[in-house]
């Protein structure tokens, strides 16, 4: 997984980069097909914004969050991406499973 962390109106410190890296590494437990993750951290007045684009085999996922604290925004961002990855994995998995079940039902019925 290729991880890129950038800051907009913000200097990305080592602690922020480490926090993002540790959270994004947890996404790999749901999918081995993650190729690229791009995280953008932004400060707008009193709001801290975190957004990410995740390239997964076959699709691209996007999420963004706004919080008063940057670390909380990163945590919520990874939660959103986690749910999206699970949903994407279930869609791909269910699609192929329905075809197998359909074939098995057709062969098991007596003629």
PDB file of N, CA and C in Angstrom:
ATOM      1  N   UNK A   1       0.848  -1.172   0.000  1.00  0.00           N
ATOM      2  CA  UNK A   1       0.000   0.000   0.000  1.00  0.00           C
ATOM      3  C   UNK A   1       0.897   1.239   0.000  1.00  0.00           C
ATOM      4  N   UNK A   2       0.645   2.123  -0.932  1.00  0.00           N
ATOM      5  CA  UNK A   2       1.377   3.368  -1.050  1.00  0.00           C
ATOM      6  C   UNK A   2       0.576   4.466  -0.347  1.00  0.00           C
ATOM      7  N   UNK A   3       1.121   5.033   0.728  1.00  0.00           N
ATOM      8  CA  UNK A   3       0.422   6.040   1.520  1.00  0.00           C
ATOM      9  C   UNK A   3       1.078   7.404   1.338  1.00  0.00           C
ATOM     10  N   UNK A   4       0.257   8.408   0.981  1.00  0.00           N
ATOM     11  CA  UNK A   4       0.731   9.770   0.828  1.00  0.00           C
ATOM     12  C   UNK A   4      -0.060  10.662   1.773  1.00  0.00           C
ATOM     13  N   UNK A   5       0.638  11.431   2.606  1.00  0.00           N
ATOM     14  CA  UNK A   5      -0.011  12.349   3.542  1.00  0.00           C
ATOM     15  C   UNK A   5       0.445  13.756   3.199  1.00  0.00           C
ATOM     16  N   UNK A   6      -0.524  14.637   2.905  1.00  0.00           N
ATOM     17  CA  UNK A   6      -0.199  16.022   2.599  1.00  0.00           C
ATOM     18  C   UNK A   6      -1.008  16.945   3.492  1.00  0.00           C
ATOM     19  N   UNK A   7      -0.498  18.144   3.666  1.00  0.00           N
ATOM     20  CA  UNK A   7      -1.181  19.135   4.489  1.00  0.00           C
ATOM     21  C   UNK A   7      -1.513  20.369   3.682  1.00  0.00           C
ATOM     22  N   UNK A   8      -2.688  20.922   3.936  1.00  0.00           N
ATOM     23  CA  UNK A   8      -3.115  22.142   3.277  1.00  0.00           C
ATOM     24  C   UNK A   8      -3.301  23.193   4.360  1.00  0.00           C
ATOM     25  N   UNK A   9      -2.478  24.230   4.349  1.00  0.00           N
ATOM     26  CA  UNK A   9      -2.418  25.235   5.413  1.00  0.00           C
ATOM     27  C   UNK A   9      -2.009  24.605   6.733  1.00  0.00           C
ATOM     28  N   UNK A  10      -1.176  23.574   6.651  1.00  0.00           N
ATOM     29  CA  UNK A  10      -0.779  22.819   7.838  1.00  0.00           C
ATOM     30  C   UNK A  10       0.548  22.128   7.559  1.00  0.00           C
ATOM     31  N   UNK A  11       1.438  22.186   8.528  1.00  0.00           N
ATOM     32  CA  UNK A  11       2.671  21.407   8.438  1.00  0.00           C
ATOM     33  C   UNK A  11       2.398  20.036   9.024  1.00  0.00           C
ATOM     34  N   UNK A  12       2.641  18.994   8.244  1.00  0.00           N
ATOM     35  CA  UNK A  12       2.403  17.633   8.708  1.00  0.00           C
ATOM     36  C   UNK A  12       3.587  17.219   9.581  1.00  0.00           C
ATOM     37  N   UNK A  13       3.336  17.110  10.872  1.00  0.00           N
ATOM     38  CA  UNK A  13       4.394  16.734  11.810  1.00  0.00           C
ATOM     39  C   UNK A  13       4.593  15.228  11.798  1.00  0.00           C
ATOM     40  N   UNK A  14       5.668  14.792  12.421  1.00  0.00           N
ATOM     41  CA  UNK A  14       5.943  13.358  12.492  1.00  0.00           C
ATOM     42  C   UNK A  14       4.858  12.624  13.271  1.00  0.00           C
ATOM     43  N   UNK A  15       4.344  13.246  14.331  1.00  0.00           N
ATOM     44  CA  UNK A  15       3.306  12.579  15.127  1.00  0.00           C
ATOM     45  C   UNK A  15       2.010  12.447  14.338  1.00  0.00           C
ATOM     46  N   UNK A  16       1.647  13.470  13.552  1.00  0.00           N
ATOM     47  CA  UNK A  16       0.454  13.365  12.698  1.00  0.00           C
ATOM     48  C   UNK A  16       0.647  12.286  11.640  1.00  0.00           C
ATOM     49  N   UNK A  17       1.820  12.283  11.015  1.00  0.00           N
ATOM     50  CA  UNK A  17       2.098  11.284   9.977  1.00  0.00           C
ATOM     51  C   UNK A  17       2.068   9.870  10.558  1.00  0.00           C
ATOM     52  N   UNK A  18       2.616   9.692  11.753  1.00  0.00           N
ATOM     53  CA  UNK A  18       2.610   8.384  12.407  1.00  0.00           C
ATOM     54  C   UNK A  18       1.179   7.960  12.753  1.00  0.00           C
ATOM     55  N   UNK A  19       0.367   8.898  13.227  1.00  0.00           N
ATOM     56  CA  UNK A  19      -1.028   8.581  13.571  1.00  0.00           C
ATOM     57  C   UNK A  19      -1.805   8.147  12.325  1.00  0.00           C
ATOM     58  N   UNK A  20      -1.637   8.882  11.238  1.00  0.00           N
ATOM     59  CA  UNK A  20      -2.321   8.532   9.983  1.00  0.00           C
ATOM     60  C   UNK A  20      -1.846   7.171   9.487  1.00  0.00           C
ATOM     61  N   UNK A  21      -0.550   6.931   9.522  1.00  0.00           N
ATOM     62  CA  UNK A  21       0.002   5.658   9.054  1.00  0.00           C
ATOM     63  C   UNK A  21      -0.518   4.489   9.872  1.00  0.00           C
ATOM     64  N   UNK A  22      -0.552   4.627  11.194  1.00  0.00           N
ATOM     65  CA  UNK A  22      -1.025   3.526  12.032  1.00  0.00           C
ATOM     66  C   UNK A  22      -2.507   3.255  11.811  1.00  0.00           C
ATOM     67  N   UNK A  23      -3.296   4.296  11.603  1.00  0.00           N
ATOM     68  CA  UNK A  23      -4.733   4.108  11.368  1.00  0.00           C
ATOM     69  C   UNK A  23      -4.989   3.494   9.985  1.00  0.00           C
ATOM     70  N   UNK A  24      -4.279   3.951   8.982  1.00  0.00           N
ATOM     71  CA  UNK A  24      -4.499   3.448   7.621  1.00  0.00           C
ATOM     72  C   UNK A  24      -3.997   2.014   7.458  1.00  0.00           C
ATOM     73  N   UNK A  25      -2.997   1.625   8.242  1.00  0.00           N
ATOM     74  CA  UNK A  25      -2.527   0.241   8.185  1.00  0.00           C
ATOM     75  C   UNK A  25      -3.615  -0.728   8.628  1.00  0.00           C
ATOM     76  N   UNK A  26      -4.510  -0.281   9.488  1.00  0.00           N
ATOM     77  CA  UNK A  26      -5.605  -1.133   9.953  1.00  0.00           C
ATOM     78  C   UNK A  26      -6.610  -1.425   8.838  1.00  0.00           C
ATOM     79  N   UNK A  27      -6.636  -0.585   7.800  1.00  0.00           N
ATOM     80  CA  UNK A  27      -7.552  -0.817   6.686  1.00  0.00           C
ATOM     81  C   UNK A  27      -7.176  -2.066   5.899  1.00  0.00           C
ATOM     82  N   UNK A  28      -5.903  -2.422   5.931  1.00  0.00           N
ATOM     83  CA  UNK A  28      -5.442  -3.583   5.167  1.00  0.00           C
ATOM     84  C   UNK A  28      -5.983  -4.905   5.704  1.00  0.00           C
ATOM     85  N   UNK A  29      -6.488  -4.912   6.916  1.00  0.00           N
ATOM     86  CA  UNK A  29      -7.032  -6.166   7.456  1.00  0.00           C
ATOM     87  C   UNK A  29      -8.321  -6.568   6.742  1.00  0.00           C
ATOM     88  N   UNK A  30      -8.988  -5.609   6.086  1.00  0.00           N
ATOM     89  CA  UNK A  30     -10.228  -5.913   5.376  1.00  0.00           C
ATOM     90  C   UNK A  30     -10.012  -6.177   3.893  1.00  0.00           C
ATOM     91  N   UNK A  31      -8.941  -5.660   3.348  1.00  0.00           N
ATOM     92  CA  UNK A  31      -8.722  -5.842   1.917  1.00  0.00           C
ATOM     93  C   UNK A  31      -7.229  -5.802   1.600  1.00  0.00           C
ATOM     94  N   UNK A  32      -6.788  -6.796   0.858  1.00  0.00           N
ATOM     95  CA  UNK A  32      -5.403  -6.837   0.401  1.00  0.00           C
ATOM     96  C   UNK A  32      -5.248  -6.122  -0.938  1.00  0.00           C
ATOM     97  N   UNK A  33      -6.372  -5.664  -1.500  1.00  0.00           N
ATOM     98  CA  UNK A  33      -6.357  -5.060  -2.825  1.00  0.00           C
ATOM     99  C   UNK A  33      -6.144  -3.552  -2.800  1.00  0.00           C
ATOM    100  N   UNK A  34      -5.805  -2.967  -1.649  1.00  0.00           N
ATOM    101  CA  UNK A  34      -5.565  -1.531  -1.561  1.00  0.00           C
ATOM    102  C   UNK A  34      -4.214  -1.230  -2.201  1.00  0.00           C
ATOM    103  N   UNK A  35      -4.231  -0.359  -3.213  1.00  0.00           N
ATOM    104  CA  UNK A  35      -2.992  -0.037  -3.898  1.00  0.00           C
ATOM    105  C   UNK A  35      -2.431   1.317  -3.482  1.00  0.00           C
ATOM    106  N   UNK A  36      -3.308   2.293  -3.272  1.00  0.00           N
ATOM    107  CA  UNK A  36      -2.843   3.651  -3.026  1.00  0.00           C
ATOM    108  C   UNK A  36      -3.811   4.373  -2.094  1.00  0.00           C
ATOM    109  N   UNK A  37      -3.260   5.111  -1.132  1.00  0.00           N
ATOM    110  CA  UNK A  37      -4.060   5.929  -0.222  1.00  0.00           C
ATOM    111  C   UNK A  37      -3.467   7.329  -0.207  1.00  0.00           C
ATOM    112  N   UNK A  38      -4.309   8.320  -0.439  1.00  0.00           N
ATOM    113  CA  UNK A  38      -3.868   9.708  -0.401  1.00  0.00           C
ATOM    114  C   UNK A  38      -4.697  10.448   0.650  1.00  0.00           C
ATOM    115  N   UNK A  39      -4.045  10.946   1.686  1.00  0.00           N
ATOM    116  CA  UNK A  39      -4.712  11.639   2.789  1.00  0.00           C
ATOM    117  C   UNK A  39      -4.323  13.117   2.738  1.00  0.00           C
ATOM    118  N   UNK A  40      -5.337  13.984   2.828  1.00  0.00           N
ATOM    119  CA  UNK A  40      -5.108  15.421   2.852  1.00  0.00           C
ATOM    120  C   UNK A  40      -5.651  15.964   4.167  1.00  0.00           C
ATOM    121  N   UNK A  41      -4.794  16.627   4.923  1.00  0.00           N
ATOM    122  CA  UNK A  41      -5.166  17.240   6.193  1.00  0.00           C
ATOM    123  C   UNK A  41      -5.223  18.750   5.993  1.00  0.00           C
ATOM    124  N   UNK A  42      -6.349  19.368   6.387  1.00  0.00           N
ATOM    125  CA  UNK A  42      -6.568  20.784   6.137  1.00  0.00           C
ATOM    126  C   UNK A  42      -7.027  21.492   7.398  1.00  0.00           C
ATOM    127  N   UNK A  43      -6.589  22.723   7.565  1.00  0.00           N
ATOM    128  CA  UNK A  43      -7.064  23.571   8.655  1.00  0.00           C
ATOM    129  C   UNK A  43      -7.823  24.739   8.039  1.00  0.00           C
ATOM    130  N   UNK A  44      -9.096  24.894   8.424  1.00  0.00           N
ATOM    131  CA  UNK A  44      -9.928  26.006   7.968  1.00  0.00           C
ATOM    132  C   UNK A  44     -10.511  26.700   9.189  1.00  0.00           C
ATOM    133  N   UNK A  45      -9.995  27.835   9.539  1.00  0.00           N
ATOM    134  CA  UNK A  45     -10.407  28.587  10.720  1.00  0.00           C
ATOM    135  C   UNK A  45     -10.383  27.694  11.957  1.00  0.00           C
ATOM    136  N   UNK A  46     -11.530  27.368  12.519  1.00  0.00           N
ATOM    137  CA  UNK A  46     -11.579  26.550  13.731  1.00  0.00           C
ATOM    138  C   UNK A  46     -11.824  25.071  13.443  1.00  0.00           C
ATOM    139  N   UNK A  47     -11.981  24.715  12.182  1.00  0.00           N
ATOM    140  CA  UNK A  47     -12.289  23.327  11.821  1.00  0.00           C
ATOM    141  C   UNK A  47     -11.055  22.616  11.290  1.00  0.00           C
ATOM    142  N   UNK A  48     -10.919  21.368  11.683  1.00  0.00           N
ATOM    143  CA  UNK A  48      -9.838  20.505  11.200  1.00  0.00           C
ATOM    144  C   UNK A  48     -10.479  19.505  10.243  1.00  0.00           C
ATOM    145  N   UNK A  49      -9.983  19.417   9.042  1.00  0.00           N
ATOM    146  CA  UNK A  49     -10.592  18.562   8.018  1.00  0.00           C
ATOM    147  C   UNK A  49      -9.597  17.494   7.588  1.00  0.00           C
ATOM    148  N   UNK A  50     -10.075  16.274   7.508  1.00  0.00           N
ATOM    149  CA  UNK A  50      -9.268  15.166   7.000  1.00  0.00           C
ATOM    150  C   UNK A  50     -10.049  14.496   5.879  1.00  0.00           C
ATOM    151  N   UNK A  51      -9.399  14.286   4.763  1.00  0.00           N
ATOM    152  CA  UNK A  51     -10.045  13.595   3.648  1.00  0.00           C
ATOM    153  C   UNK A  51      -9.064  12.611   3.041  1.00  0.00           C
ATOM    154  N   UNK A  52      -9.618  11.540   2.487  1.00  0.00           N
ATOM    155  CA  UNK A  52      -8.759  10.495   1.923  1.00  0.00           C
ATOM    156  C   UNK A  52      -9.399   9.882   0.690  1.00  0.00           C
ATOM    157  N   UNK A  53      -8.544   9.524  -0.235  1.00  0.00           N
ATOM    158  CA  UNK A  53      -8.946   8.778  -1.423  1.00  0.00           C
ATOM    159  C   UNK A  53      -8.190   7.460  -1.383  1.00  0.00           C
ATOM    160  N   UNK A  54      -8.942   6.359  -1.448  1.00  0.00           N
ATOM    161  CA  UNK A  54      -8.347   5.027  -1.388  1.00  0.00           C
ATOM    162  C   UNK A  54      -8.611   4.323  -2.715  1.00  0.00           C
ATOM    163  N   UNK A  55      -7.543   3.924  -3.377  1.00  0.00           N
ATOM    164  CA  UNK A  55      -7.671   3.156  -4.612  1.00  0.00           C
ATOM    165  C   UNK A  55      -7.647   1.675  -4.262  1.00  0.00           C
ATOM    166  N   UNK A  56      -8.756   1.022  -4.555  1.00  0.00           N
ATOM    167  CA  UNK A  56      -8.897  -0.409  -4.329  1.00  0.00           C
ATOM    168  C   UNK A  56      -9.087  -1.044  -5.699  1.00  0.00           C
ATOM    169  N   UNK A  57      -8.660  -2.269  -5.826  1.00  0.00           N
ATOM    170  CA  UNK A  57      -8.807  -2.975  -7.100  1.00  0.00           C
ATOM    171  C   UNK A  57     -10.275  -2.920  -7.532  1.00  0.00           C
ATOM    172  N   UNK A  58     -10.534  -2.245  -8.625  1.00  0.00           N
ATOM    173  CA  UNK A  58     -11.885  -2.182  -9.161  1.00  0.00           C
ATOM    174  C   UNK A  58     -12.653  -0.921  -8.820  1.00  0.00           C
ATOM    175  N   UNK A  59     -12.207  -0.119  -7.864  1.00  0.00           N
ATOM    176  CA  UNK A  59     -12.951   1.085  -7.506  1.00  0.00           C
ATOM    177  C   UNK A  59     -12.068   2.072  -6.747  1.00  0.00           C
ATOM    178  N   UNK A  60     -12.650   3.222  -6.468  1.00  0.00           N
ATOM    179  CA  UNK A  60     -11.971   4.258  -5.701  1.00  0.00           C
ATOM    180  C   UNK A  60     -12.930   4.733  -4.614  1.00  0.00           C
ATOM    181  N   UNK A  61     -12.467   4.763  -3.362  1.00  0.00           N
ATOM    182  CA  UNK A  61     -13.285   5.174  -2.239  1.00  0.00           C
ATOM    183  C   UNK A  61     -12.831   6.543  -1.754  1.00  0.00           C
ATOM    184  N   UNK A  62     -13.794   7.368  -1.294  1.00  0.00           N
ATOM    185  CA  UNK A  62     -13.482   8.700  -0.804  1.00  0.00           C
ATOM    186  C   UNK A  62     -14.268   8.966   0.466  1.00  0.00           C
ATOM    187  N   UNK A  63     -13.618   9.625   1.420  1.00  0.00           N
ATOM    188  CA  UNK A  63     -14.299  10.026   2.654  1.00  0.00           C
ATOM    189  C   UNK A  63     -13.658  11.300   3.167  1.00  0.00           C
ATOM    190  N   UNK A  64     -14.469  12.098   3.880  1.00  0.00           N
ATOM    191  CA  UNK A  64     -13.946  13.301   4.511  1.00  0.00           C
ATOM    192  C   UNK A  64     -14.677  13.548   5.819  1.00  0.00           C
ATOM    193  N   UNK A  65     -13.965  14.130   6.767  1.00  0.00           N
ATOM    194  CA  UNK A  65     -14.546  14.452   8.064  1.00  0.00           C
ATOM    195  C   UNK A  65     -14.045  15.812   8.524  1.00  0.00           C
ATOM    196  N   UNK A  66     -14.848  16.463   9.359  1.00  0.00           N
ATOM    197  CA  UNK A  66     -14.474  17.745   9.956  1.00  0.00           C
ATOM    198  C   UNK A  66     -14.722  17.665  11.451  1.00  0.00           C
ATOM    199  N   UNK A  67     -13.714  18.013  12.211  1.00  0.00           N
ATOM    200  CA  UNK A  67     -13.797  17.987  13.677  1.00  0.00           C
ATOM    201  C   UNK A  67     -13.026  19.165  14.237  1.00  0.00           C
ATOM    202  N   UNK A  68     -13.161  19.375  15.542  1.00  0.00           N
ATOM    203  CA  UNK A  68     -12.401  20.428  16.215  1.00  0.00           C
ATOM    204  C   UNK A  68     -10.951  19.998  16.446  1.00  0.00           C
ATOM    205  N   UNK A  69     -10.718  18.682  16.511  1.00  0.00           N
ATOM    206  CA  UNK A  69      -9.391  18.134  16.759  1.00  0.00           C
ATOM    207  C   UNK A  69      -8.966  17.294  15.555  1.00  0.00           C
ATOM    208  N   UNK A  70      -7.738  17.468  15.095  1.00  0.00           N
ATOM    209  CA  UNK A  70      -7.253  16.759  13.911  1.00  0.00           C
ATOM    210  C   UNK A  70      -7.177  15.254  14.152  1.00  0.00           C
ATOM    211  N   UNK A  71      -6.758  14.848  15.339  1.00  0.00           N
ATOM    212  CA  UNK A  71      -6.657  13.413  15.630  1.00  0.00           C
ATOM    213  C   UNK A  71      -8.040  12.752  15.623  1.00  0.00           C
ATOM    214  N   UNK A  72      -9.052  13.458  16.125  1.00  0.00           N
ATOM    215  CA  UNK A  72     -10.421  12.935  16.091  1.00  0.00           C
ATOM    216  C   UNK A  72     -10.915  12.842  14.654  1.00  0.00           C
ATOM    217  N   UNK A  73     -10.567  13.818  13.827  1.00  0.00           N
ATOM    218  CA  UNK A  73     -10.961  13.792  12.418  1.00  0.00           C
ATOM    219  C   UNK A  73     -10.332  12.599  11.701  1.00  0.00           C
ATOM    220  N   UNK A  74      -9.074  12.304  12.005  1.00  0.00           N
ATOM    221  CA  UNK A  74      -8.393  11.158  11.390  1.00  0.00           C
ATOM    222  C   UNK A  74      -9.044   9.852  11.841  1.00  0.00           C
ATOM    223  N   UNK A  75      -9.392   9.764  13.129  1.00  0.00           N
ATOM    224  CA  UNK A  75     -10.050   8.552  13.637  1.00  0.00           C
ATOM    225  C   UNK A  75     -11.393   8.317  12.949  1.00  0.00           C
ATOM    226  N   UNK A  76     -12.201   9.368  12.820  1.00  0.00           N
ATOM    227  CA  UNK A  76     -13.500   9.234  12.153  1.00  0.00           C
ATOM    228  C   UNK A  76     -13.330   8.911  10.672  1.00  0.00           C
ATOM    229  N   UNK A  77     -12.303   9.472  10.070  1.00  0.00           N
ATOM    230  CA  UNK A  77     -12.031   9.197   8.660  1.00  0.00           C
ATOM    231  C   UNK A  77     -11.734   7.715   8.439  1.00  0.00           C
ATOM    232  N   UNK A  78     -10.910   7.146   9.289  1.00  0.00           N
ATOM    233  CA  UNK A  78     -10.589   5.722   9.128  1.00  0.00           C
ATOM    234  C   UNK A  78     -11.804   4.846   9.407  1.00  0.00           C
ATOM    235  N   UNK A  79     -12.675   5.258  10.325  1.00  0.00           N
ATOM    236  CA  UNK A  79     -13.909   4.510  10.573  1.00  0.00           C
ATOM    237  C   UNK A  79     -14.799   4.506   9.333  1.00  0.00           C
ATOM    238  N   UNK A  80     -14.933   5.660   8.691  1.00  0.00           N
ATOM    239  CA  UNK A  80     -15.738   5.743   7.473  1.00  0.00           C
ATOM    240  C   UNK A  80     -15.160   4.871   6.364  1.00  0.00           C
ATOM    241  N   UNK A  81     -13.850   4.967   6.176  1.00  0.00           N
ATOM    242  CA  UNK A  81     -13.211   4.168   5.129  1.00  0.00           C
ATOM    243  C   UNK A  81     -13.310   2.674   5.430  1.00  0.00           C
ATOM    244  N   UNK A  82     -13.232   2.331   6.703  1.00  0.00           N
ATOM    245  CA  UNK A  82     -13.358   0.936   7.123  1.00  0.00           C
ATOM    246  C   UNK A  82     -14.731   0.387   6.725  1.00  0.00           C
ATOM    247  N   UNK A  83     -15.769   1.156   7.005  1.00  0.00           N
ATOM    248  CA  UNK A  83     -17.128   0.725   6.638  1.00  0.00           C
ATOM    249  C   UNK A  83     -17.281   0.607   5.128  1.00  0.00           C
ATOM    250  N   UNK A  84     -16.705   1.556   4.390  1.00  0.00           N
ATOM    251  CA  UNK A  84     -16.786   1.499   2.935  1.00  0.00           C
ATOM    252  C   UNK A  84     -16.058   0.282   2.374  1.00  0.00           C
ATOM    253  N   UNK A  85     -14.905  -0.035   2.936  1.00  0.00           N
ATOM    254  CA  UNK A  85     -14.155  -1.208   2.482  1.00  0.00           C
ATOM    255  C   UNK A  85     -14.923  -2.495   2.740  1.00  0.00           C
ATOM    256  N   UNK A  86     -15.536  -2.590   3.926  1.00  0.00           N
ATOM    257  CA  UNK A  86     -16.325  -3.783   4.257  1.00  0.00           C
ATOM    258  C   UNK A  86     -17.486  -3.916   3.283  1.00  0.00           C
ATOM    259  N   UNK A  87     -18.170  -2.815   3.011  1.00  0.00           N
ATOM    260  CA  UNK A  87     -19.307  -2.842   2.094  1.00  0.00           C
ATOM    261  C   UNK A  87     -18.863  -3.242   0.685  1.00  0.00           C
ATOM    262  N   UNK A  88     -17.735  -2.693   0.236  1.00  0.00           N
ATOM    263  CA  UNK A  88     -17.218  -3.037  -1.084  1.00  0.00           C
ATOM    264  C   UNK A  88     -16.839  -4.513  -1.163  1.00  0.00           C
ATOM    265  N   UNK A  89     -16.203  -5.014  -0.118  1.00  0.00           N
ATOM    266  CA  UNK A  89     -15.786  -6.417  -0.091  1.00  0.00           C
ATOM    267  C   UNK A  89     -17.004  -7.337  -0.120  1.00  0.00           C
ATOM    268  N   UNK A  90     -18.064  -6.978   0.622  1.00  0.00           N
ATOM    269  CA  UNK A  90     -19.273  -7.794   0.637  1.00  0.00           C
ATOM    270  C   UNK A  90     -19.968  -7.784  -0.712  1.00  0.00           C
ATOM    271  N   UNK A  91     -19.955  -6.647  -1.394  1.00  0.00           N
ATOM    272  CA  UNK A  91     -20.566  -6.574  -2.721  1.00  0.00           C
ATOM    273  C   UNK A  91     -19.866  -7.515  -3.688  1.00  0.00           C
ATOM    274  N   UNK A  92     -18.552  -7.485  -3.693  1.00  0.00           N
ATOM    275  CA  UNK A  92     -17.787  -8.335  -4.600  1.00  0.00           C
ATOM    276  C   UNK A  92     -17.971  -9.802  -4.221  1.00  0.00           C
ATOM    277  N   UNK A  93     -17.925 -10.089  -2.943  1.00  0.00           N
ATOM    278  CA  UNK A  93     -18.052 -11.458  -2.455  1.00  0.00           C
ATOM    279  C   UNK A  93     -19.455 -12.015  -2.723  1.00  0.00           C
ATOM    280  N   UNK A  94     -20.493 -11.259  -2.441  1.00  0.00           N
ATOM    281  CA  UNK A  94     -21.866 -11.708  -2.636  1.00  0.00           C
ATOM    282  C   UNK A  94     -22.184 -11.918  -4.107  1.00  0.00           C
ATOM    283  N   UNK A  95     -21.631 -11.090  -4.944  1.00  0.00           N
ATOM    284  CA  UNK A  95     -21.907 -11.193  -6.366  1.00  0.00           C
ATOM    285  C   UNK A  95     -21.497 -12.556  -6.910  1.00  0.00           C
ATOM    286  N   UNK A  96     -20.338 -13.011  -6.538  1.00  0.00           N
ATOM    287  CA  UNK A  96     -19.854 -14.293  -7.029  1.00  0.00           C
ATOM    288  C   UNK A  96     -20.526 -15.453  -6.315  1.00  0.00           C
ATOM    289  N   UNK A  97     -20.890 -15.282  -5.081  1.00  0.00           N
ATOM    290  CA  UNK A  97     -21.511 -16.350  -4.312  1.00  0.00           C
ATOM    291  C   UNK A  97     -22.900 -16.689  -4.861  1.00  0.00           C
ATOM    292  N   UNK A  98     -23.647 -15.701  -5.289  1.00  0.00           N
ATOM    293  CA  UNK A  98     -24.991 -15.933  -5.829  1.00  0.00           C
ATOM    294  C   UNK A  98     -24.934 -16.828  -7.061  1.00  0.00           C
ATOM    295  N   UNK A  99     -23.914 -16.623  -7.887  1.00  0.00           N
ATOM    296  CA  UNK A  99     -23.773 -17.451  -9.077  1.00  0.00           C
ATOM    297  C   UNK A  99     -23.511 -18.909  -8.704  1.00  0.00           C
ATOM    298  N   UNK A 100     -22.669 -19.163  -7.710  1.00  0.00           N
ATOM    299  CA  UNK A 100     -22.369 -20.526  -7.282  1.00  0.00           C
ATOM    300  C   UNK A 100     -23.613 -21.202  -6.695  1.00  0.00           C
ATOM    301  N   UNK A 101     -24.343 -20.463  -5.840  1.00  0.00           N
ATOM    302  CA  UNK A 101     -25.541 -21.042  -5.234  1.00  0.00           C
ATOM    303  C   UNK A 101     -26.591 -21.369  -6.297  1.00  0.00           C
ATOM    304  N   UNK A 102     -26.692 -20.517  -7.290  1.00  0.00           N
ATOM    305  CA  UNK A 102     -27.651 -20.734  -8.368  1.00  0.00           C
ATOM    306  C   UNK A 102     -27.301 -22.005  -9.147  1.00  0.00           C
ATOM    307  N   UNK A 103     -26.018 -22.216  -9.403  1.00  0.00           N
ATOM    308  CA  UNK A 103     -25.581 -23.414 -10.115  1.00  0.00           C
ATOM    309  C   UNK A 103     -25.823 -24.667  -9.280  1.00  0.00           C
ATOM    310  N   UNK A 104     -25.547 -24.612  -7.983  1.00  0.00           N
ATOM    311  CA  UNK A 104     -25.744 -25.766  -7.120  1.00  0.00           C
ATOM    312  C   UNK A 104     -27.212 -26.134  -7.005  1.00  0.00           C
ATOM    313  N   UNK A 105     -28.092 -25.183  -6.939  1.00  0.00           N
ATOM    314  CA  UNK A 105     -29.531 -25.453  -6.838  1.00  0.00           C
ATOM    315  C   UNK A 105     -30.034 -26.101  -8.126  1.00  0.00           C
ATOM    316  N   UNK A 106     -29.550 -25.657  -9.238  1.00  0.00           N
ATOM    317  CA  UNK A 106     -29.987 -26.213 -10.523  1.00  0.00           C
ATOM    318  C   UNK A 106     -29.545 -27.671 -10.683  1.00  0.00           C
ATOM    319  N   UNK A 107     -28.387 -28.048 -10.170  1.00  0.00           N
ATOM    320  CA  UNK A 107     -27.870 -29.398 -10.322  1.00  0.00           C
ATOM    321  C   UNK A 107     -28.434 -30.349  -9.263  1.00  0.00           C
ATOM    322  N   UNK A 108     -28.878 -29.846  -8.125  1.00  0.00           N
ATOM    323  CA  UNK A 108     -29.365 -30.701  -7.054  1.00  0.00           C
ATOM    324  C   UNK A 108     -30.822 -31.122  -7.240  1.00  0.00           C
ATOM    325  N   UNK A 109     -31.583 -30.406  -8.039  1.00  0.00           N
ATOM    326  CA  UNK A 109     -32.988 -30.746  -8.212  1.00  0.00           C
ATOM    327  C   UNK A 109     -33.148 -31.972  -9.113  1.00  0.00           C
ATOM    328  N   UNK A 110     -34.030 -32.909  -8.707  1.00  0.00           N
ATOM    329  CA  UNK A 110     -34.254 -34.069  -9.580  1.00  0.00           C
ATOM    330  C   UNK A 110     -35.043 -33.682 -10.830  1.00  0.00           C
ATOM    331  N   UNK A 111     -34.781 -34.395 -11.887  1.00  0.00           N
ATOM    332  CA  UNK A 111     -35.445 -34.087 -13.168  1.00  0.00           C
ATOM    333  C   UNK A 111     -36.626 -34.976 -13.388  1.00  0.00           C
TER     334      UNK A 111
END
